[in-house]
Amino acid sequence: MNTATTPNSSRLHPNHDPRRLRPLVAILLVAILLVCFPLAATTPAQNPTANTDDSVAPGINDNFLDPNLDVAEWVERFEVESREVYNARQEVLRRLNLQPGDRVADIGAGTGFYSLLMADEVTPEGWVYAVDIAPKFVEHLANQFANRDIEHATTVLCDGRSVRLPPASIDAAFICDVYHHFEFPEATMRSLHQALKPGGRVIVIDFERIPGVSRQWTLDHVRAGKQTFLDEIRSVGFELVAERTIPEFKENYFLEFQKPNN
């Protein structure tokens, strides 16, 4: 036998045994992986930058996302004089103080009665974005504009986290009986903050929610009161500039915010 080519285990020092090196190699590999790929440690509890924007009202818009949504049924519910925001629409419009040439977004436009009124106010020099999460409402709105030959209006299908408008594209946004339907209010309002020009306004109309005073429907349907909504909107960078009085309002309030100029 040629001993020159045959390993002689008796000549190897015990520390040079390859089997003894395997645990050390494994430890080194694990250390390298943790340094280069620390993804396993990025759970919400451990990572302060993890997304914590959880739904505040899971499923609240499911009926509007229904492909079989009956728009005519919602027209009957929304466009009726017993509804405060419909009965007071002319006074609300006056308080909006839109000017010819303004670019305004009707967020949660629904059946579109405010979008149509806004189109008259801003004139063809301006623009109306009718934004909604419901495909059926968006289709209805497009037909409304076409039937009235309104060419200075655009329908926008938004989602639960974004109004899907270009940055600095609007002078004002109108959120009427809709804020309590924002499933992800922080994300939605941040997207709106981005869409507004510096100095742009946001008008929020929603329901007073006061235990012992408000209707049971409001207590069950609206997740929080005015102060909570006000705090949420301020937290993303808007400033409250006014609370307007609308004589016809008994259950609703009217808040006006502004995006700072700087």
Protein backbone atom coordinates (compact mmCIF):
# COMPACT_ATOMS: atom_id res chain seq x y z
CA MET A 1 0.00 0.00 0.00
CA ASN A 2 1.26 3.46 -0.82
CA THR A 3 1.17 5.20 2.56
CA ALA A 4 2.07 8.54 0.96
CA THR A 5 -1.41 8.83 -0.52
CA THR A 6 -3.36 7.36 2.36
CA PRO A 7 -4.44 9.67 5.24
CA ASN A 8 -2.99 8.52 8.52
CA SER A 9 -5.38 9.57 11.25
CA SER A 10 -2.76 9.03 13.89
CA ARG A 11 -0.78 11.96 12.49
CA LEU A 12 -3.70 14.48 12.73
CA HIS A 13 -3.99 16.65 15.84
CA PRO A 14 -7.39 16.18 17.54
CA ASN A 15 -8.25 19.86 16.95
CA HIS A 16 -7.87 19.33 13.23
CA ASP A 17 -10.60 16.73 13.07
CA PRO A 18 -13.11 18.00 10.38
CA ARG A 19 -15.99 16.61 12.40
CA ARG A 20 -15.08 18.91 15.27
CA LEU A 21 -15.14 21.94 12.94
CA ARG A 22 -18.70 21.40 11.75
CA PRO A 23 -20.48 23.03 14.77
CA LEU A 24 -18.19 26.05 14.52
CA VAL A 25 -18.92 26.43 10.80
CA ALA A 26 -22.66 26.20 11.47
CA ILE A 27 -22.47 28.91 14.13
CA LEU A 28 -20.51 31.18 11.79
CA LEU A 29 -23.05 30.66 9.00
CA VAL A 30 -25.97 31.54 11.31
CA ALA A 31 -24.17 34.69 12.45
CA ILE A 32 -23.54 35.77 8.86
CA LEU A 33 -27.18 35.18 7.92
CA LEU A 34 -28.45 37.23 10.87
CA VAL A 35 -26.19 40.13 9.95
CA CYS A 36 -27.02 40.09 6.25
CA PHE A 37 -30.69 39.07 6.41
CA PRO A 38 -32.27 40.30 9.68
CA LEU A 39 -35.82 39.89 8.35
CA ALA A 40 -36.82 37.21 10.77
CA ALA A 41 -36.61 39.71 13.62
CA THR A 42 -38.84 42.39 12.03
CA THR A 43 -42.16 41.60 13.67
CA PRO A 44 -44.50 44.50 14.53
CA ALA A 45 -43.66 44.14 18.21
CA GLN A 46 -39.91 44.36 17.59
CA ASN A 47 -39.72 46.77 14.65
CA PRO A 48 -40.78 50.33 15.51
CA THR A 49 -41.23 51.16 11.80
CA ALA A 50 -43.64 48.27 11.13
CA ASN A 51 -47.05 49.21 9.71
CA THR A 52 -49.51 49.66 12.58
CA ASP A 53 -52.25 51.26 10.51
CA ASP A 54 -54.85 48.64 11.34
CA SER A 55 -58.46 48.83 10.25
CA VAL A 56 -60.58 50.86 12.66
CA ALA A 57 -63.83 49.44 11.27
CA PRO A 58 -63.32 46.12 9.45
CA GLY A 59 -65.88 45.50 6.72
CA ILE A 60 -67.63 48.86 7.06
CA ASN A 61 -67.61 49.36 3.28
CA ASP A 62 -68.46 45.81 2.24
CA ASN A 63 -71.98 46.73 1.09
CA PHE A 64 -70.58 49.48 -1.17
CA LEU A 65 -68.12 47.04 -2.73
CA ASP A 66 -70.90 44.62 -3.63
CA PRO A 67 -70.90 44.20 -7.44
CA ASN A 68 -74.70 43.98 -7.25
CA LEU A 69 -75.10 47.28 -5.42
CA ASP A 70 -78.41 48.92 -6.39
CA VAL A 71 -77.61 52.58 -7.03
CA ALA A 72 -81.28 53.54 -7.32
CA GLU A 73 -81.86 52.30 -3.78
CA TRP A 74 -79.06 54.55 -2.50
CA VAL A 75 -80.35 57.54 -4.45
CA GLU A 76 -83.62 57.14 -2.54
CA ARG A 77 -81.73 56.99 0.76
CA PHE A 78 -79.23 59.77 0.10
CA GLU A 79 -81.21 62.30 -1.92
CA VAL A 80 -84.15 62.89 0.38
CA GLU A 81 -85.07 66.07 2.24
CA SER A 82 -85.20 64.26 5.59
CA ARG A 83 -81.43 63.78 5.34
CA GLU A 84 -79.76 66.84 6.85
CA VAL A 85 -76.86 67.12 4.42
CA TYR A 86 -79.24 66.93 1.46
CA ASN A 87 -81.79 69.34 2.91
CA ALA A 88 -79.02 71.84 3.73
CA ARG A 89 -77.07 71.38 0.49
CA GLN A 90 -77.38 74.99 -0.69
CA GLU A 91 -76.22 76.41 2.65
CA VAL A 92 -73.39 73.86 2.81
CA LEU A 93 -72.36 74.84 -0.71
CA ARG A 94 -72.35 78.51 0.27
CA ARG A 95 -70.12 77.73 3.24
CA LEU A 96 -67.75 75.80 0.99
CA ASN A 97 -67.07 79.10 -0.77
CA LEU A 98 -65.81 77.51 -3.99
CA GLN A 99 -64.57 79.88 -6.65
CA PRO A 100 -64.44 79.64 -10.46
CA GLY A 101 -61.25 77.84 -11.37
CA ASP A 102 -61.01 75.85 -8.12
CA ARG A 103 -60.09 72.17 -8.26
CA VAL A 104 -62.12 70.29 -5.66
CA ALA A 105 -62.45 66.63 -4.65
CA ASP A 106 -65.76 65.22 -3.42
CA ILE A 107 -64.44 62.35 -1.29
CA GLY A 108 -67.02 59.60 -0.99
CA ALA A 109 -69.15 61.26 -3.63
CA GLY A 110 -71.79 58.52 -3.52
CA THR A 111 -74.71 59.35 -5.78
CA GLY A 112 -73.08 62.63 -6.75
CA PHE A 113 -75.52 65.41 -5.85
CA TYR A 114 -72.75 67.50 -4.28
CA SER A 115 -70.36 66.80 -7.16
CA LEU A 116 -72.92 68.21 -9.59
CA LEU A 117 -73.44 71.33 -7.48
CA MET A 118 -69.67 71.81 -7.21
CA ALA A 119 -69.28 71.58 -10.98
CA ASP A 120 -71.55 74.61 -11.33
CA GLU A 121 -69.58 76.55 -8.70
CA VAL A 122 -66.08 75.98 -10.09
CA THR A 123 -67.27 76.51 -13.69
CA PRO A 124 -65.46 74.94 -16.67
CA GLU A 125 -62.37 76.86 -15.57
CA GLY A 126 -62.09 74.55 -12.56
CA TRP A 127 -62.35 70.81 -11.98
CA VAL A 128 -64.29 68.34 -9.85
CA TYR A 129 -62.88 64.97 -8.82
CA ALA A 130 -65.74 62.69 -7.77
CA VAL A 131 -63.99 60.07 -5.64
CA ASP A 132 -65.59 56.90 -4.35
CA ILE A 133 -64.69 53.39 -3.26
CA ALA A 134 -67.79 51.81 -4.85
CA PRO A 135 -67.41 50.83 -8.52
CA LYS A 136 -71.16 51.12 -9.03
CA PHE A 137 -71.22 54.68 -7.70
CA VAL A 138 -68.28 55.62 -9.92
CA GLU A 139 -70.13 54.25 -12.94
CA HIS A 140 -73.25 56.17 -11.93
CA LEU A 141 -71.24 59.38 -11.49
CA ALA A 142 -69.65 59.02 -14.93
CA ASN A 143 -73.11 58.69 -16.45
CA GLN A 144 -74.34 61.74 -14.51
CA PHE A 145 -71.53 63.90 -15.90
CA ALA A 146 -71.99 62.57 -19.43
CA ASN A 147 -75.77 63.09 -19.40
CA ARG A 148 -75.28 66.72 -18.34
CA ASP A 149 -72.38 67.38 -20.72
CA ILE A 150 -70.11 68.22 -17.79
CA GLU A 151 -66.59 67.97 -19.17
CA HIS A 152 -64.72 69.48 -16.23
CA ALA A 153 -65.24 66.53 -13.89
CA THR A 154 -63.45 63.23 -13.39
CA THR A 155 -64.52 60.10 -11.53
CA VAL A 156 -61.88 58.42 -9.36
CA LEU A 157 -62.12 54.89 -7.95
CA CYS A 158 -60.23 55.07 -4.67
CA ASP A 159 -59.36 52.32 -2.20
CA GLY A 160 -59.46 51.95 1.56
CA ARG A 161 -56.09 53.61 2.12
CA SER A 162 -55.76 56.28 -0.57
CA VAL A 163 -57.89 58.86 -2.37
CA ARG A 164 -55.69 58.19 -5.44
CA LEU A 165 -55.25 61.79 -6.49
CA PRO A 166 -52.02 63.31 -7.86
CA PRO A 167 -49.83 65.32 -5.48
CA ALA A 168 -50.78 69.00 -5.10
CA SER A 169 -53.67 68.58 -7.54
CA ILE A 170 -56.59 70.09 -5.58
CA ASP A 171 -57.49 73.31 -3.76
CA ALA A 172 -60.16 71.78 -1.55
CA ALA A 173 -61.60 68.44 -0.44
CA PHE A 174 -65.11 67.74 0.80
CA ILE A 175 -65.84 64.75 3.08
CA CYS A 176 -69.56 64.64 3.83
CA ASP A 177 -70.98 61.89 6.09
CA VAL A 178 -68.04 59.79 4.93
CA TYR A 179 -65.15 60.17 7.38
CA HIS A 180 -66.66 57.58 9.72
CA HIS A 181 -66.50 55.18 6.76
CA PHE A 182 -62.72 55.52 6.46
CA GLU A 183 -61.44 52.07 7.39
CA PHE A 184 -57.86 53.35 7.48
CA PRO A 185 -58.29 57.03 8.39
CA GLU A 186 -54.63 57.85 8.96
CA ALA A 187 -53.50 56.45 5.61
CA THR A 188 -56.44 58.02 3.78
CA MET A 189 -55.90 61.45 5.31
CA ARG A 190 -52.16 61.32 4.61
CA SER A 191 -52.94 60.63 0.96
CA LEU A 192 -55.35 63.57 0.97
CA HIS A 193 -52.76 65.80 2.63
CA GLN A 194 -50.41 64.96 -0.25
CA ALA A 195 -53.10 65.63 -2.86
CA LEU A 196 -53.85 69.13 -1.53
CA LYS A 197 -51.92 72.20 -2.56
CA PRO A 198 -50.26 74.17 0.28
CA GLY A 199 -53.00 76.19 1.93
CA GLY A 200 -55.66 73.81 0.61
CA ARG A 201 -58.83 73.23 2.63
CA VAL A 202 -60.61 70.12 3.89
CA ILE A 203 -64.25 70.28 4.94
CA VAL A 204 -65.51 67.43 7.11
CA ILE A 205 -69.19 66.96 7.85
CA ASP A 206 -70.10 64.07 10.12
CA PHE A 207 -72.44 62.98 12.87
CA GLU A 208 -72.34 64.17 16.45
CA ARG A 209 -71.89 61.02 18.52
CA ILE A 210 -72.88 61.75 22.09
CA PRO A 211 -73.96 58.86 24.32
CA GLY A 212 -77.34 59.58 25.84
CA VAL A 213 -78.09 62.22 23.20
CA SER A 214 -77.44 60.77 19.75
CA ARG A 215 -79.75 58.27 18.08
CA GLN A 216 -78.97 54.60 18.61
CA TRP A 217 -78.21 54.28 14.89
CA THR A 218 -75.46 56.85 15.26
CA LEU A 219 -74.06 55.22 18.38
CA ASP A 220 -73.97 51.85 16.64
CA HIS A 221 -72.73 53.04 13.24
CA VAL A 222 -70.35 55.94 13.89
CA ARG A 223 -67.23 54.70 15.67
CA ALA A 224 -66.24 57.90 17.51
CA GLY A 225 -67.21 61.44 18.35
CA LYS A 226 -66.15 64.78 16.93
CA GLN A 227 -63.13 65.25 19.20
CA THR A 228 -61.63 61.91 18.17
CA PHE A 229 -62.05 62.67 14.48
CA LEU A 230 -60.65 66.16 15.00
CA ASP A 231 -57.57 64.74 16.77
CA GLU A 232 -57.03 62.16 14.03
CA ILE A 233 -57.15 64.76 11.26
CA ARG A 234 -54.83 67.12 13.10
CA SER A 235 -52.35 64.31 13.69
CA VAL A 236 -51.53 64.05 9.98
CA GLY A 237 -50.75 67.75 9.62
CA PHE A 238 -54.04 69.59 9.13
CA GLU A 239 -55.00 72.66 11.16
CA LEU A 240 -58.57 73.33 12.29
CA VAL A 241 -59.52 76.81 11.09
CA ALA A 242 -63.26 76.93 11.75
CA GLU A 243 -66.39 75.14 12.86
CA ARG A 244 -69.30 76.45 10.78
CA THR A 245 -72.89 76.66 11.91
CA ILE A 246 -75.46 75.24 9.50
CA PRO A 247 -78.99 76.12 10.72
CA GLU A 248 -80.50 72.92 9.30
CA PHE A 249 -78.00 70.72 11.16
CA LYS A 250 -79.30 69.00 14.27
CA GLU A 251 -77.19 65.83 14.12
CA ASN A 252 -74.28 66.90 11.94
CA TYR A 253 -71.30 69.24 12.40
CA PHE A 254 -69.18 71.14 9.87
CA LEU A 255 -65.40 71.42 10.42
CA GLU A 256 -62.96 73.23 8.15
CA PHE A 257 -59.27 72.33 8.13
CA GLN A 258 -56.31 73.67 6.22
CA LYS A 259 -53.02 72.28 5.00
CA PRO A 260 -50.27 74.68 6.16
CA ASN A 261 -48.60 76.77 3.48
CA ASN A 262 -45.10 75.68 4.51
